[in-house]
Every structure is written in C-alpha cells, then in structure tokens.
Amino acid sequence: IRAIGADAELASLVHYHLVGSIPGITRENLTALAVEHGVTLRIHGRVSDEELAAAIDSSDVICCVRLPSIEAASASAIEAMLSAKPTIVADTGFYSELPDDVVIKIDPDEPESAIAAALKALSEDPAGAKALGDRARNFARKTFTGARYAKALLALAEESEACRGQREIARAFGAAYASWGIRDSSPLIDDVAKLIDYFD
C-alpha cells in the first residue's frame, strides 16, 4: 500500500485486491492505511476456489512478498506462475530459488521502493510483462508437478531409511547419556559422534 501510494501515477493505475483470510484488526489497519495513502484497496477475505481462480485470472500482477518468508514453498506464487501472471516476490527463502527470469525479485530490506519500481516497469512494458508471465507458466508447469513431488518424497524416504542405523545409535546413546546426566560438553558425546560417522 505504501509502495503504491508513494507514486501518484501508480496510485491512479493500481487497484489492489487482497484475497485471503486476515484478522479483523489487520483489515482495519490496512483499510486505514489505504485511505491515508490514496490507494484503491479491496479486501476479499476468505474466498471459494472458484472465486480465487477468478481473482487470479482478473489480475494483471500478483505480489507474494510475505516477510519474513517461512514457507518451504509458496502455493500462491506457484498458482500465480501457473496462471502466467507477472509475479513479484521477496528475494528470500523459497522465492530466492526461483529463476530470475520467471519472477521479479525485490529486496526484502527495501520492499516499498522495489515494489513501486517493479509495478512501474510492468505497467510501462505490457509485452515484457506478458513474456515474463509466459516464462513463469512454462517453468511452473515443468517444475511443480505431482510426479516431481512424489519423486522427491520417495528420495527423502530412501535417505531416511539409509540413516536408520545412525538414528538408532544416536537414540540409544542419547537416552542412556540423558539418564546418566551427561551433558553436551562431555567427551563421550564426541565418541558417539565418531561411531555414528563410522556407520555413515
């Protein structure tokens, strides 16, 4: 809201739609902030799958800039890319792993000026914005598939199974040492670590 409101041209161009459940106090604060900065804001709240799809389809740009980013992945960003929408993300966590040519990454330390610059650049280059969205969709279709997800889960299960011996050694010695009152600083801990490494 501050990014949009800081630029009169952006404030006149952008209609900001916030889709998803948020607490009432957050709704009140954002509404007041939008009024203060002259930004057109519509808070949709929790919506059905059909309404979410319609909101994504009617969007020109989607922002996924949750800070701090604590997700292992972002369903919102993936949906945005699959929908061929230019997507703005914070350059942190999962988002940092996305290729630079399929999303616009903003500096999480200077989000307002970076978001404003990204929105202006997209509005001034519709063809470039469309090409960005197309690249994002192609990347997402190849990357975020059920088959790849299942393959990654199977690989994780195999890796976990391969470490079973080490886990059992660590669990057994850990339980014994804890019952004896042995702390992390004990040289015995190093001995167990060497034994676990031996079985690696």
Foldseek 3Di string as FASTA:
>chain_A
DLLQLVDPVSQVVDAAEAEEADDPVVVVVVVVVCVVSNHHYDYPYYDDPVVVVVVLLPDQEEEDEDPPDDDQEDPSLLVNLLSLHAYEYECDHPVVPDDCQQHPYDHNVPPSNRVNVVVVVCVVCVVSRSVSSVVSSVVSVVPVDPVNVVVVVVVVVVVVVLLVVLVVLCVVVVVVCVVVVHDPPDVVVVVSVVVSVVSD
